[in-house]
PDB file of N, CA and C in Angstrom:
ATOM      1  N   MET A   1      -8.126  14.854  -0.818  1.00  0.00           N
ATOM      2  CA  MET A   1      -6.819  14.492  -1.354  1.00  0.00           C
ATOM      3  C   MET A   1      -6.292  15.609  -2.258  1.00  0.00           C
ATOM      4  N   ARG A   2      -7.189  16.207  -2.999  1.00  0.00           N
ATOM      5  CA  ARG A   2      -6.748  17.245  -3.934  1.00  0.00           C
ATOM      6  C   ARG A   2      -6.110  18.432  -3.209  1.00  0.00           C
ATOM      7  N   GLU A   3      -6.746  18.852  -2.116  1.00  0.00           N
ATOM      8  CA  GLU A   3      -6.202  19.968  -1.335  1.00  0.00           C
ATOM      9  C   GLU A   3      -4.852  19.595  -0.735  1.00  0.00           C
ATOM     10  N   PHE A   4      -4.765  18.391  -0.197  1.00  0.00           N
ATOM     11  CA  PHE A   4      -3.530  17.891   0.397  1.00  0.00           C
ATOM     12  C   PHE A   4      -2.419  17.847  -0.658  1.00  0.00           C
ATOM     13  N   ALA A   5      -2.727  17.253  -1.812  1.00  0.00           N
ATOM     14  CA  ALA A   5      -1.739  17.153  -2.889  1.00  0.00           C
ATOM     15  C   ALA A   5      -1.343  18.537  -3.397  1.00  0.00           C
ATOM     16  N   GLY A   6      -2.289  19.448  -3.466  1.00  0.00           N
ATOM     17  CA  GLY A   6      -1.983  20.814  -3.890  1.00  0.00           C
ATOM     18  C   GLY A   6      -1.028  21.496  -2.933  1.00  0.00           C
ATOM     19  N   ARG A   7      -1.248  21.290  -1.650  1.00  0.00           N
ATOM     20  CA  ARG A   7      -0.363  21.860  -0.633  1.00  0.00           C
ATOM     21  C   ARG A   7       1.048  21.281  -0.783  1.00  0.00           C
ATOM     22  N   VAL A   8       1.129  19.971  -0.964  1.00  0.00           N
ATOM     23  CA  VAL A   8       2.433  19.325  -1.135  1.00  0.00           C
ATOM     24  C   VAL A   8       3.109  19.841  -2.408  1.00  0.00           C
ATOM     25  N   GLN A   9       2.355  19.932  -3.483  1.00  0.00           N
ATOM     26  CA  GLN A   9       2.933  20.393  -4.749  1.00  0.00           C
ATOM     27  C   GLN A   9       3.434  21.826  -4.636  1.00  0.00           C
ATOM     28  N   ASP A  10       2.652  22.697  -4.007  1.00  0.00           N
ATOM     29  CA  ASP A  10       3.072  24.092  -3.837  1.00  0.00           C
ATOM     30  C   ASP A  10       4.369  24.194  -3.041  1.00  0.00           C
ATOM     31  N   TYR A  11       4.431  23.479  -1.923  1.00  0.00           N
ATOM     32  CA  TYR A  11       5.593  23.578  -1.048  1.00  0.00           C
ATOM     33  C   TYR A  11       6.827  22.891  -1.636  1.00  0.00           C
ATOM     34  N   SER A  12       6.602  21.776  -2.341  1.00  0.00           N
ATOM     35  CA  SER A  12       7.735  21.009  -2.869  1.00  0.00           C
ATOM     36  C   SER A  12       8.272  21.572  -4.180  1.00  0.00           C
ATOM     37  N   GLY A  13       7.412  22.263  -4.922  1.00  0.00           N
ATOM     38  CA  GLY A  13       7.827  22.784  -6.214  1.00  0.00           C
ATOM     39  C   GLY A  13       7.789  21.750  -7.327  1.00  0.00           C
ATOM     40  N   LEU A  14       7.177  20.593  -7.074  1.00  0.00           N
ATOM     41  CA  LEU A  14       7.074  19.579  -8.124  1.00  0.00           C
ATOM     42  C   LEU A  14       6.201  20.105  -9.256  1.00  0.00           C
ATOM     43  N   ASP A  15       6.511  19.655 -10.473  1.00  0.00           N
ATOM     44  CA  ASP A  15       5.837  20.216 -11.636  1.00  0.00           C
ATOM     45  C   ASP A  15       4.610  19.443 -12.104  1.00  0.00           C
ATOM     46  N   SER A  16       4.320  18.308 -11.493  1.00  0.00           N
ATOM     47  CA  SER A  16       3.126  17.567 -11.921  1.00  0.00           C
ATOM     48  C   SER A  16       2.391  16.973 -10.730  1.00  0.00           C
ATOM     49  N   LEU A  17       1.082  16.904 -10.888  1.00  0.00           N
ATOM     50  CA  LEU A  17       0.251  16.313  -9.843  1.00  0.00           C
ATOM     51  C   LEU A  17       0.541  14.814  -9.731  1.00  0.00           C
ATOM     52  N   ALA A  18       0.793  14.157 -10.843  1.00  0.00           N
ATOM     53  CA  ALA A  18       1.080  12.718 -10.815  1.00  0.00           C
ATOM     54  C   ALA A  18       2.336  12.429  -9.990  1.00  0.00           C
ATOM     55  N   LYS A  19       3.377  13.219 -10.177  1.00  0.00           N
ATOM     56  CA  LYS A  19       4.618  13.019  -9.404  1.00  0.00           C
ATOM     57  C   LYS A  19       4.368  13.347  -7.937  1.00  0.00           C
ATOM     58  N   THR A  20       3.552  14.364  -7.678  1.00  0.00           N
ATOM     59  CA  THR A  20       3.221  14.734  -6.304  1.00  0.00           C
ATOM     60  C   THR A  20       2.483  13.599  -5.612  1.00  0.00           C
ATOM     61  N   GLU A  21       1.520  13.003  -6.290  1.00  0.00           N
ATOM     62  CA  GLU A  21       0.760  11.893  -5.698  1.00  0.00           C
ATOM     63  C   GLU A  21       1.658  10.680  -5.451  1.00  0.00           C
ATOM     64  N   LYS A  22       2.597  10.440  -6.362  1.00  0.00           N
ATOM     65  CA  LYS A  22       3.552   9.342  -6.162  1.00  0.00           C
ATOM     66  C   LYS A  22       4.434   9.632  -4.952  1.00  0.00           C
ATOM     67  N   LEU A  23       4.859  10.879  -4.809  1.00  0.00           N
ATOM     68  CA  LEU A  23       5.656  11.294  -3.648  1.00  0.00           C
ATOM     69  C   LEU A  23       4.886  11.053  -2.353  1.00  0.00           C
ATOM     70  N   ILE A  24       3.636  11.471  -2.311  1.00  0.00           N
ATOM     71  CA  ILE A  24       2.814  11.311  -1.110  1.00  0.00           C
ATOM     72  C   ILE A  24       2.717   9.830  -0.739  1.00  0.00           C
ATOM     73  N   ALA A  25       2.407   8.986  -1.717  1.00  0.00           N
ATOM     74  CA  ALA A  25       2.291   7.547  -1.444  1.00  0.00           C
ATOM     75  C   ALA A  25       3.603   6.975  -0.932  1.00  0.00           C
ATOM     76  N   LEU A  26       4.716   7.391  -1.522  1.00  0.00           N
ATOM     77  CA  LEU A  26       6.015   6.880  -1.106  1.00  0.00           C
ATOM     78  C   LEU A  26       6.374   7.344   0.311  1.00  0.00           C
ATOM     79  N   VAL A  27       6.149   8.609   0.614  1.00  0.00           N
ATOM     80  CA  VAL A  27       6.453   9.109   1.965  1.00  0.00           C
ATOM     81  C   VAL A  27       5.537   8.436   2.985  1.00  0.00           C
ATOM     82  N   PHE A  28       4.260   8.240   2.654  1.00  0.00           N
ATOM     83  CA  PHE A  28       3.374   7.501   3.550  1.00  0.00           C
ATOM     84  C   PHE A  28       3.945   6.106   3.803  1.00  0.00           C
ATOM     85  N   HIS A  29       4.386   5.440   2.751  1.00  0.00           N
ATOM     86  CA  HIS A  29       4.932   4.088   2.880  1.00  0.00           C
ATOM     87  C   HIS A  29       6.170   4.084   3.787  1.00  0.00           C
ATOM     88  N   LEU A  30       7.097   4.994   3.506  1.00  0.00           N
ATOM     89  CA  LEU A  30       8.337   5.040   4.290  1.00  0.00           C
ATOM     90  C   LEU A  30       8.086   5.445   5.740  1.00  0.00           C
ATOM     91  N   LEU A  31       7.194   6.414   5.943  1.00  0.00           N
ATOM     92  CA  LEU A  31       6.882   6.837   7.307  1.00  0.00           C
ATOM     93  C   LEU A  31       6.183   5.713   8.063  1.00  0.00           C
ATOM     94  N   SER A  32       5.292   5.002   7.390  1.00  0.00           N
ATOM     95  CA  SER A  32       4.610   3.880   8.057  1.00  0.00           C
ATOM     96  C   SER A  32       5.603   2.806   8.460  1.00  0.00           C
ATOM     97  N   ALA A  33       6.657   2.635   7.666  1.00  0.00           N
ATOM     98  CA  ALA A  33       7.686   1.643   7.994  1.00  0.00           C
ATOM     99  C   ALA A  33       8.455   2.049   9.241  1.00  0.00           C
ATOM    100  N   ARG A  34       8.593   3.346   9.447  1.00  0.00           N
ATOM    101  CA  ARG A  34       9.405   3.870  10.551  1.00  0.00           C
ATOM    102  C   ARG A  34       8.630   3.929  11.869  1.00  0.00           C
ATOM    103  N   LEU A  35       7.295   3.896  11.779  1.00  0.00           N
ATOM    104  CA  LEU A  35       6.452   3.954  12.972  1.00  0.00           C
ATOM    105  C   LEU A  35       5.995   2.554  13.370  1.00  0.00           C
ATOM    106  N   THR A  36       5.671   2.388  14.640  1.00  0.00           N
ATOM    107  CA  THR A  36       5.057   1.120  15.044  1.00  0.00           C
ATOM    108  C   THR A  36       3.702   1.008  14.347  1.00  0.00           C
ATOM    109  N   ILE A  37       3.218  -0.200  14.217  1.00  0.00           N
ATOM    110  CA  ILE A  37       1.917  -0.417  13.578  1.00  0.00           C
ATOM    111  C   ILE A  37       0.839   0.365  14.321  1.00  0.00           C
ATOM    112  N   LYS A  38       0.895   0.349  15.652  1.00  0.00           N
ATOM    113  CA  LYS A  38      -0.097   1.082  16.444  1.00  0.00           C
ATOM    114  C   LYS A  38      -0.022   2.578  16.171  1.00  0.00           C
ATOM    115  N   GLU A  39       1.170   3.141  16.176  1.00  0.00           N
ATOM    116  CA  GLU A  39       1.309   4.580  15.955  1.00  0.00           C
ATOM    117  C   GLU A  39       0.906   4.958  14.539  1.00  0.00           C
ATOM    118  N   GLY A  40       1.256   4.120  13.578  1.00  0.00           N
ATOM    119  CA  GLY A  40       0.816   4.366  12.206  1.00  0.00           C
ATOM    120  C   GLY A  40      -0.705   4.385  12.110  1.00  0.00           C
ATOM    121  N   GLY A  41      -1.339   3.468  12.827  1.00  0.00           N
ATOM    122  CA  GLY A  41      -2.807   3.439  12.859  1.00  0.00           C
ATOM    123  C   GLY A  41      -3.386   4.675  13.526  1.00  0.00           C
ATOM    124  N   ASP A  42      -2.748   5.121  14.598  1.00  0.00           N
ATOM    125  CA  ASP A  42      -3.194   6.341  15.280  1.00  0.00           C
ATOM    126  C   ASP A  42      -3.092   7.550  14.349  1.00  0.00           C
ATOM    127  N   LEU A  43      -1.986   7.645  13.635  1.00  0.00           N
ATOM    128  CA  LEU A  43      -1.802   8.755  12.693  1.00  0.00           C
ATOM    129  C   LEU A  43      -2.862   8.687  11.592  1.00  0.00           C
ATOM    130  N   ALA A  44      -3.015   7.525  10.993  1.00  0.00           N
ATOM    131  CA  ALA A  44      -3.985   7.363   9.903  1.00  0.00           C
ATOM    132  C   ALA A  44      -5.407   7.688  10.353  1.00  0.00           C
ATOM    133  N   SER A  45      -5.731   7.371  11.600  1.00  0.00           N
ATOM    134  CA  SER A  45      -7.093   7.606  12.086  1.00  0.00           C
ATOM    135  C   SER A  45      -7.467   9.080  12.103  1.00  0.00           C
ATOM    136  N   GLN A  46      -6.468   9.963  12.107  1.00  0.00           N
ATOM    137  CA  GLN A  46      -6.752  11.397  12.124  1.00  0.00           C
ATOM    138  C   GLN A  46      -6.731  12.022  10.725  1.00  0.00           C
ATOM    139  N   LEU A  47      -6.368  11.242   9.727  1.00  0.00           N
ATOM    140  CA  LEU A  47      -6.331  11.763   8.364  1.00  0.00           C
ATOM    141  C   LEU A  47      -7.725  11.729   7.737  1.00  0.00           C
ATOM    142  N   PRO A  48      -7.994  12.622   6.783  1.00  0.00           N
ATOM    143  CA  PRO A  48      -9.259  12.558   6.040  1.00  0.00           C
ATOM    144  C   PRO A  48      -9.388  11.206   5.330  1.00  0.00           C
ATOM    145  N   LYS A  49     -10.604  10.820   5.013  1.00  0.00           N
ATOM    146  CA  LYS A  49     -10.911   9.486   4.495  1.00  0.00           C
ATOM    147  C   LYS A  49     -10.015   9.058   3.324  1.00  0.00           C
ATOM    148  N   GLU A  50      -9.855   9.893   2.309  1.00  0.00           N
ATOM    149  CA  GLU A  50      -9.051   9.504   1.145  1.00  0.00           C
ATOM    150  C   GLU A  50      -7.588   9.284   1.515  1.00  0.00           C
ATOM    151  N   LEU A  51      -7.065  10.120   2.401  1.00  0.00           N
ATOM    152  CA  LEU A  51      -5.675   9.956   2.834  1.00  0.00           C
ATOM    153  C   LEU A  51      -5.521   8.727   3.709  1.00  0.00           C
ATOM    154  N   LYS A  52      -6.514   8.469   4.549  1.00  0.00           N
ATOM    155  CA  LYS A  52      -6.491   7.273   5.388  1.00  0.00           C
ATOM    156  C   LYS A  52      -6.487   6.023   4.505  1.00  0.00           C
ATOM    157  N   MET A  53      -7.291   6.040   3.441  1.00  0.00           N
ATOM    158  CA  MET A  53      -7.341   4.894   2.524  1.00  0.00           C
ATOM    159  C   MET A  53      -5.993   4.707   1.821  1.00  0.00           C
ATOM    160  N   LEU A  54      -5.368   5.809   1.423  1.00  0.00           N
ATOM    161  CA  LEU A  54      -4.051   5.725   0.797  1.00  0.00           C
ATOM    162  C   LEU A  54      -3.038   5.160   1.789  1.00  0.00           C
ATOM    163  N   TRP A  55      -3.040   5.670   3.019  1.00  0.00           N
ATOM    164  CA  TRP A  55      -2.119   5.175   4.052  1.00  0.00           C
ATOM    165  C   TRP A  55      -2.280   3.664   4.208  1.00  0.00           C
ATOM    166  N   GLU A  56      -3.510   3.215   4.319  1.00  0.00           N
ATOM    167  CA  GLU A  56      -3.767   1.783   4.519  1.00  0.00           C
ATOM    168  C   GLU A  56      -3.299   0.960   3.327  1.00  0.00           C
ATOM    169  N   ARG A  57      -3.424   1.516   2.136  1.00  0.00           N
ATOM    170  CA  ARG A  57      -3.020   0.798   0.930  1.00  0.00           C
ATOM    171  C   ARG A  57      -1.495   0.654   0.837  1.00  0.00           C
ATOM    172  N   VAL A  58      -0.747   1.672   1.269  1.00  0.00           N
ATOM    173  CA  VAL A  58       0.707   1.659   1.056  1.00  0.00           C
ATOM    174  C   VAL A  58       1.520   1.352   2.310  1.00  0.00           C
ATOM    175  N   ARG A  59       0.873   1.283   3.464  1.00  0.00           N
ATOM    176  CA  ARG A  59       1.627   1.100   4.699  1.00  0.00           C
ATOM    177  C   ARG A  59       2.349  -0.240   4.726  1.00  0.00           C
ATOM    178  N   VAL A  60       3.435  -0.286   5.467  1.00  0.00           N
ATOM    179  CA  VAL A  60       4.179  -1.529   5.673  1.00  0.00           C
ATOM    180  C   VAL A  60       3.398  -2.353   6.682  1.00  0.00           C
ATOM    181  N   LYS A  61       3.080  -3.582   6.300  1.00  0.00           N
ATOM    182  CA  LYS A  61       2.207  -4.406   7.137  1.00  0.00           C
ATOM    183  C   LYS A  61       2.918  -5.591   7.786  1.00  0.00           C
ATOM    184  N   ASP A  62       4.079  -5.955   7.270  1.00  0.00           N
ATOM    185  CA  ASP A  62       4.667  -7.218   7.692  1.00  0.00           C
ATOM    186  C   ASP A  62       5.722  -7.127   8.793  1.00  0.00           C
ATOM    187  N   VAL A  63       6.125  -5.914   9.159  1.00  0.00           N
ATOM    188  CA  VAL A  63       7.079  -5.740  10.256  1.00  0.00           C
ATOM    189  C   VAL A  63       6.622  -4.574  11.119  1.00  0.00           C
ATOM    190  N   ASP A  64       7.086  -4.556  12.357  1.00  0.00           N
ATOM    191  CA  ASP A  64       6.638  -3.478  13.237  1.00  0.00           C
ATOM    192  C   ASP A  64       7.371  -2.172  12.961  1.00  0.00           C
ATOM    193  N   VAL A  65       8.691  -2.183  12.905  1.00  0.00           N
ATOM    194  CA  VAL A  65       9.437  -0.948  12.640  1.00  0.00           C
ATOM    195  C   VAL A  65      10.651  -1.273  11.773  1.00  0.00           C
ATOM    196  N   VAL A  66      10.823  -0.488  10.719  1.00  0.00           N
ATOM    197  CA  VAL A  66      12.021  -0.581   9.880  1.00  0.00           C
ATOM    198  C   VAL A  66      12.885   0.617  10.232  1.00  0.00           C
ATOM    199  N   LYS A  67      14.103   0.374  10.632  1.00  0.00           N
ATOM    200  CA  LYS A  67      14.997   1.459  11.046  1.00  0.00           C
ATOM    201  C   LYS A  67      15.531   2.178   9.814  1.00  0.00           C
ATOM    202  N   LEU A  68      14.967   3.347   9.537  1.00  0.00           N
ATOM    203  CA  LEU A  68      15.397   4.169   8.413  1.00  0.00           C
ATOM    204  C   LEU A  68      15.950   5.484   8.943  1.00  0.00           C
ATOM    205  N   SER A  69      17.146   5.829   8.526  1.00  0.00           N
ATOM    206  CA  SER A  69      17.696   7.139   8.872  1.00  0.00           C
ATOM    207  C   SER A  69      17.171   8.170   7.885  1.00  0.00           C
ATOM    208  N   ARG A  70      17.428   9.425   8.159  1.00  0.00           N
ATOM    209  CA  ARG A  70      17.028  10.494   7.234  1.00  0.00           C
ATOM    210  C   ARG A  70      17.682  10.261   5.873  1.00  0.00           C
ATOM    211  N   GLU A  71      18.950   9.903   5.869  1.00  0.00           N
ATOM    212  CA  GLU A  71      19.652   9.698   4.600  1.00  0.00           C
ATOM    213  C   GLU A  71      19.034   8.558   3.800  1.00  0.00           C
ATOM    214  N   GLU A  72      18.697   7.466   4.467  1.00  0.00           N
ATOM    215  CA  GLU A  72      18.059   6.338   3.778  1.00  0.00           C
ATOM    216  C   GLU A  72      16.680   6.725   3.262  1.00  0.00           C
ATOM    217  N   PHE A  73      15.947   7.480   4.053  1.00  0.00           N
ATOM    218  CA  PHE A  73      14.617   7.962   3.666  1.00  0.00           C
ATOM    219  C   PHE A  73      14.739   8.797   2.392  1.00  0.00           C
ATOM    220  N   ILE A  74      15.652   9.760   2.398  1.00  0.00           N
ATOM    221  CA  ILE A  74      15.843  10.643   1.239  1.00  0.00           C
ATOM    222  C   ILE A  74      16.366   9.863   0.038  1.00  0.00           C
ATOM    223  N   ASP A  75      17.287   8.933   0.272  1.00  0.00           N
ATOM    224  CA  ASP A  75      17.810   8.108  -0.824  1.00  0.00           C
ATOM    225  C   ASP A  75      16.686   7.350  -1.527  1.00  0.00           C
ATOM    226  N   LYS A  76      15.776   6.795  -0.756  1.00  0.00           N
ATOM    227  CA  LYS A  76      14.660   6.047  -1.350  1.00  0.00           C
ATOM    228  C   LYS A  76      13.771   6.972  -2.176  1.00  0.00           C
ATOM    229  N   VAL A  77      13.527   8.176  -1.687  1.00  0.00           N
ATOM    230  CA  VAL A  77      12.723   9.143  -2.445  1.00  0.00           C
ATOM    231  C   VAL A  77      13.456   9.521  -3.736  1.00  0.00           C
ATOM    232  N   MET A  78      14.746   9.774  -3.629  1.00  0.00           N
ATOM    233  CA  MET A  78      15.528  10.122  -4.824  1.00  0.00           C
ATOM    234  C   MET A  78      15.464   9.003  -5.863  1.00  0.00           C
ATOM    235  N   GLN A  79      15.645   7.789  -5.408  1.00  0.00           N
ATOM    236  CA  GLN A  79      15.664   6.640  -6.300  1.00  0.00           C
ATOM    237  C   GLN A  79      14.297   6.408  -6.957  1.00  0.00           C
ATOM    238  N   GLU A  80      13.241   6.398  -6.148  1.00  0.00           N
ATOM    239  CA  GLU A  80      11.903   6.087  -6.654  1.00  0.00           C
ATOM    240  C   GLU A  80      11.333   7.182  -7.554  1.00  0.00           C
ATOM    241  N   LEU A  81      11.662   8.432  -7.257  1.00  0.00           N
ATOM    242  CA  LEU A  81      11.066   9.540  -8.009  1.00  0.00           C
ATOM    243  C   LEU A  81      12.034  10.173  -9.006  1.00  0.00           C
ATOM    244  N   GLY A  82      13.247   9.683  -9.056  1.00  0.00           N
ATOM    245  CA  GLY A  82      14.190  10.167 -10.040  1.00  0.00           C
ATOM    246  C   GLY A  82      14.748  11.557  -9.758  1.00  0.00           C
ATOM    247  N   PHE A  83      14.795  11.953  -8.505  1.00  0.00           N
ATOM    248  CA  PHE A  83      15.414  13.230  -8.153  1.00  0.00           C
ATOM    249  C   PHE A  83      16.925  13.119  -8.362  1.00  0.00           C
ATOM    250  N   ASP A  84      17.533  14.174  -8.875  1.00  0.00           N
ATOM    251  CA  ASP A  84      18.982  14.179  -9.018  1.00  0.00           C
ATOM    252  C   ASP A  84      19.631  15.160  -8.042  1.00  0.00           C
ATOM    253  N   ASP A  85      18.803  15.776  -7.215  1.00  0.00           N
ATOM    254  CA  ASP A  85      19.278  16.766  -6.256  1.00  0.00           C
ATOM    255  C   ASP A  85      18.766  16.401  -4.867  1.00  0.00           C
ATOM    256  N   ARG A  86      19.681  16.155  -3.953  1.00  0.00           N
ATOM    257  CA  ARG A  86      19.331  15.736  -2.594  1.00  0.00           C
ATOM    258  C   ARG A  86      18.476  16.778  -1.874  1.00  0.00           C
ATOM    259  N   GLU A  87      18.798  18.052  -2.062  1.00  0.00           N
ATOM    260  CA  GLU A  87      18.036  19.120  -1.393  1.00  0.00           C
ATOM    261  C   GLU A  87      16.590  19.185  -1.899  1.00  0.00           C
ATOM    262  N   LYS A  88      16.388  18.954  -3.182  1.00  0.00           N
ATOM    263  CA  LYS A  88      15.020  18.929  -3.730  1.00  0.00           C
ATOM    264  C   LYS A  88      14.230  17.758  -3.141  1.00  0.00           C
ATOM    265  N   ALA A  89      14.900  16.618  -3.017  1.00  0.00           N
ATOM    266  CA  ALA A  89      14.238  15.445  -2.436  1.00  0.00           C
ATOM    267  C   ALA A  89      13.891  15.707  -0.970  1.00  0.00           C
ATOM    268  N   LYS A  90      14.815  16.311  -0.249  1.00  0.00           N
ATOM    269  CA  LYS A  90      14.572  16.636   1.164  1.00  0.00           C
ATOM    270  C   LYS A  90      13.403  17.615   1.283  1.00  0.00           C
ATOM    271  N   LYS A  91      13.371  18.620   0.430  1.00  0.00           N
ATOM    272  CA  LYS A  91      12.274  19.593   0.441  1.00  0.00           C
ATOM    273  C   LYS A  91      10.942  18.911   0.134  1.00  0.00           C
ATOM    274  N   ALA A  92      10.961  17.951  -0.781  1.00  0.00           N
ATOM    275  CA  ALA A  92       9.740  17.228  -1.131  1.00  0.00           C
ATOM    276  C   ALA A  92       9.215  16.406   0.049  1.00  0.00           C
ATOM    277  N   VAL A  93      10.127  15.731   0.742  1.00  0.00           N
ATOM    278  CA  VAL A  93       9.725  14.949   1.921  1.00  0.00           C
ATOM    279  C   VAL A  93       9.152  15.878   2.983  1.00  0.00           C
ATOM    280  N   LYS A  94       9.822  16.992   3.217  1.00  0.00           N
ATOM    281  CA  LYS A  94       9.332  17.947   4.217  1.00  0.00           C
ATOM    282  C   LYS A  94       7.967  18.505   3.829  1.00  0.00           C
ATOM    283  N   ALA A  95       7.703  18.633   2.541  1.00  0.00           N
ATOM    284  CA  ALA A  95       6.395  19.111   2.082  1.00  0.00           C
ATOM    285  C   ALA A  95       5.292  18.140   2.498  1.00  0.00           C
ATOM    286  N   VAL A  96       5.571  16.848   2.361  1.00  0.00           N
ATOM    287  CA  VAL A  96       4.573  15.845   2.776  1.00  0.00           C
ATOM    288  C   VAL A  96       4.436  15.849   4.293  1.00  0.00           C
ATOM    289  N   PHE A  97       5.544  15.924   5.008  1.00  0.00           N
ATOM    290  CA  PHE A  97       5.481  15.996   6.470  1.00  0.00           C
ATOM    291  C   PHE A  97       4.640  17.194   6.904  1.00  0.00           C
ATOM    292  N   TYR A  98       4.880  18.340   6.294  1.00  0.00           N
ATOM    293  CA  TYR A  98       4.129  19.558   6.619  1.00  0.00           C
ATOM    294  C   TYR A  98       2.627  19.346   6.385  1.00  0.00           C
ATOM    295  N   ALA A  99       2.302  18.757   5.257  1.00  0.00           N
ATOM    296  CA  ALA A  99       0.891  18.539   4.935  1.00  0.00           C
ATOM    297  C   ALA A  99       0.238  17.547   5.903  1.00  0.00           C
ATOM    298  N   ILE A 100       0.978  16.515   6.285  1.00  0.00           N
ATOM    299  CA  ILE A 100       0.452  15.563   7.280  1.00  0.00           C
ATOM    300  C   ILE A 100       0.184  16.302   8.586  1.00  0.00           C
ATOM    301  N   LYS A 101       1.163  17.091   9.022  1.00  0.00           N
ATOM    302  CA  LYS A 101       1.035  17.787  10.298  1.00  0.00           C
ATOM    303  C   LYS A 101      -0.136  18.759  10.299  1.00  0.00           C
ATOM    304  N   SER A 102      -0.513  19.258   9.134  1.00  0.00           N
ATOM    305  CA  SER A 102      -1.655  20.177   9.056  1.00  0.00           C
ATOM    306  C   SER A 102      -2.983  19.450   9.214  1.00  0.00           C
ATOM    307  N   GLN A 103      -2.960  18.115   9.169  1.00  0.00           N
ATOM    308  CA  GLN A 103      -4.183  17.319   9.229  1.00  0.00           C
ATOM    309  C   GLN A 103      -4.429  16.649  10.580  1.00  0.00           C
ATOM    310  N   VAL A 104      -3.427  16.659  11.459  1.00  0.00           N
ATOM    311  CA  VAL A 104      -3.548  15.899  12.708  1.00  0.00           C
ATOM    312  C   VAL A 104      -3.333  16.796  13.922  1.00  0.00           C
ATOM    313  N   SER A 105      -3.683  16.276  15.073  1.00  0.00           N
ATOM    314  CA  SER A 105      -3.577  17.040  16.320  1.00  0.00           C
ATOM    315  C   SER A 105      -2.127  17.247  16.736  1.00  0.00           C
ATOM    316  N   GLU A 106      -1.917  18.224  17.580  1.00  0.00           N
ATOM    317  CA  GLU A 106      -0.581  18.495  18.128  1.00  0.00           C
ATOM    318  C   GLU A 106      -0.062  17.276  18.889  1.00  0.00           C
ATOM    319  N   GLY A 107      -0.952  16.608  19.608  1.00  0.00           N
ATOM    320  CA  GLY A 107      -0.555  15.407  20.347  1.00  0.00           C
ATOM    321  C   GLY A 107      -0.055  14.310  19.420  1.00  0.00           C
ATOM    322  N   GLU A 108      -0.721  14.142  18.287  1.00  0.00           N
ATOM    323  CA  GLU A 108      -0.304  13.126  17.322  1.00  0.00           C
ATOM    324  C   GLU A 108       1.022  13.513  16.670  1.00  0.00           C
ATOM    325  N   ILE A 109       1.211  14.782  16.402  1.00  0.00           N
ATOM    326  CA  ILE A 109       2.483  15.262  15.852  1.00  0.00           C
ATOM    327  C   ILE A 109       3.623  14.891  16.799  1.00  0.00           C
ATOM    328  N   LYS A 110       3.404  15.092  18.087  1.00  0.00           N
ATOM    329  CA  LYS A 110       4.427  14.765  19.087  1.00  0.00           C
ATOM    330  C   LYS A 110       4.633  13.252  19.204  1.00  0.00           C
ATOM    331  N   ASP A 111       3.541  12.476  19.095  1.00  0.00           N
ATOM    332  CA  ASP A 111       3.663  11.018  19.164  1.00  0.00           C
ATOM    333  C   ASP A 111       4.495  10.472  18.006  1.00  0.00           C
ATOM    334  N   VAL A 112       4.267  11.000  16.810  1.00  0.00           N
ATOM    335  CA  VAL A 112       5.057  10.570  15.654  1.00  0.00           C
ATOM    336  C   VAL A 112       6.514  10.967  15.864  1.00  0.00           C
ATOM    337  N   GLU A 113       6.723  12.203  16.261  1.00  0.00           N
ATOM    338  CA  GLU A 113       8.077  12.707  16.497  1.00  0.00           C
ATOM    339  C   GLU A 113       8.844  11.833  17.485  1.00  0.00           C
ATOM    340  N   ALA A 114       8.155  11.373  18.515  1.00  0.00           N
ATOM    341  CA  ALA A 114       8.801  10.567  19.562  1.00  0.00           C
ATOM    342  C   ALA A 114       9.335   9.243  19.021  1.00  0.00           C
ATOM    343  N   GLN A 115       8.785   8.762  17.921  1.00  0.00           N
ATOM    344  CA  GLN A 115       9.222   7.476  17.375  1.00  0.00           C
ATOM    345  C   GLN A 115      10.307   7.601  16.309  1.00  0.00           C
ATOM    346  N   LEU A 116      10.610   8.811  15.905  1.00  0.00           N
ATOM    347  CA  LEU A 116      11.590   8.999  14.841  1.00  0.00           C
ATOM    348  C   LEU A 116      13.001   9.131  15.405  1.00  0.00           C
ATOM    349  N   PRO A 117      14.006   8.652  14.642  1.00  0.00           N
ATOM    350  CA  PRO A 117      15.386   8.863  15.086  1.00  0.00           C
ATOM    351  C   PRO A 117      15.716  10.349  14.992  1.00  0.00           C
ATOM    352  N   ALA A 118      16.748  10.776  15.686  1.00  0.00           N
ATOM    353  CA  ALA A 118      17.063  12.204  15.817  1.00  0.00           C
ATOM    354  C   ALA A 118      17.140  12.935  14.479  1.00  0.00           C
ATOM    355  N   ASP A 119      17.794  12.338  13.482  1.00  0.00           N
ATOM    356  CA  ASP A 119      17.951  13.050  12.210  1.00  0.00           C
ATOM    357  C   ASP A 119      16.630  13.196  11.452  1.00  0.00           C
ATOM    358  N   LEU A 120      15.780  12.185  11.511  1.00  0.00           N
ATOM    359  CA  LEU A 120      14.467  12.262  10.864  1.00  0.00           C
ATOM    360  C   LEU A 120      13.517  13.138  11.688  1.00  0.00           C
ATOM    361  N   LYS A 121      13.664  13.078  12.996  1.00  0.00           N
ATOM    362  CA  LYS A 121      12.884  13.926  13.903  1.00  0.00           C
ATOM    363  C   LYS A 121      13.142  15.400  13.586  1.00  0.00           C
ATOM    364  N   GLN A 122      14.388  15.745  13.305  1.00  0.00           N
ATOM    365  CA  GLN A 122      14.734  17.113  12.967  1.00  0.00           C
ATOM    366  C   GLN A 122      13.984  17.549  11.697  1.00  0.00           C
ATOM    367  N   MET A 123      13.969  16.699  10.693  1.00  0.00           N
ATOM    368  CA  MET A 123      13.285  17.029   9.446  1.00  0.00           C
ATOM    369  C   MET A 123      11.775  17.161   9.680  1.00  0.00           C
ATOM    370  N   TRP A 124      11.205  16.267  10.486  1.00  0.00           N
ATOM    371  CA  TRP A 124       9.788  16.318  10.838  1.00  0.00           C
ATOM    372  C   TRP A 124       9.485  17.666  11.519  1.00  0.00           C
ATOM    373  N   GLY A 125      10.351  18.049  12.440  1.00  0.00           N
ATOM    374  CA  GLY A 125      10.172  19.305  13.165  1.00  0.00           C
ATOM    375  C   GLY A 125      10.306  20.531  12.279  1.00  0.00           C
ATOM    376  N   GLU A 126      11.164  20.468  11.274  1.00  0.00           N
ATOM    377  CA  GLU A 126      11.374  21.594  10.377  1.00  0.00           C
ATOM    378  C   GLU A 126      10.211  21.781   9.402  1.00  0.00           C
ATOM    379  N   ALA A 127       9.446  20.725   9.195  1.00  0.00           N
ATOM    380  CA  ALA A 127       8.359  20.794   8.212  1.00  0.00           C
ATOM    381  C   ALA A 127       7.209  21.667   8.704  1.00  0.00           C
TER     382      ALA A 127
END
């Protein structure tokens, strides 16, 4: 988890590890909401143990898919973490996406991408 959080913090430019860890948990939660339960489980299965445990703790469990656009995703990050700049929030989300992608197979990256709406898919691809 420390290496993962360090990577996210470096790329996002966040100034504290605590805020970085909160960001990671929130992006995991929002991404899990956007994926089917099966796909979320497939993604989590490829994460290291501590990240898998975090995913399981914060994932959305009561619905199969919550339709979130990129703007809604970023708005939630801005609101929860107190960002006042949309571009900083977007960069922070992309930092978590990048770190996730560094932990899973190319096939899993494509499977996640296939479930995202076009605007969120673009951000996933840019990460």
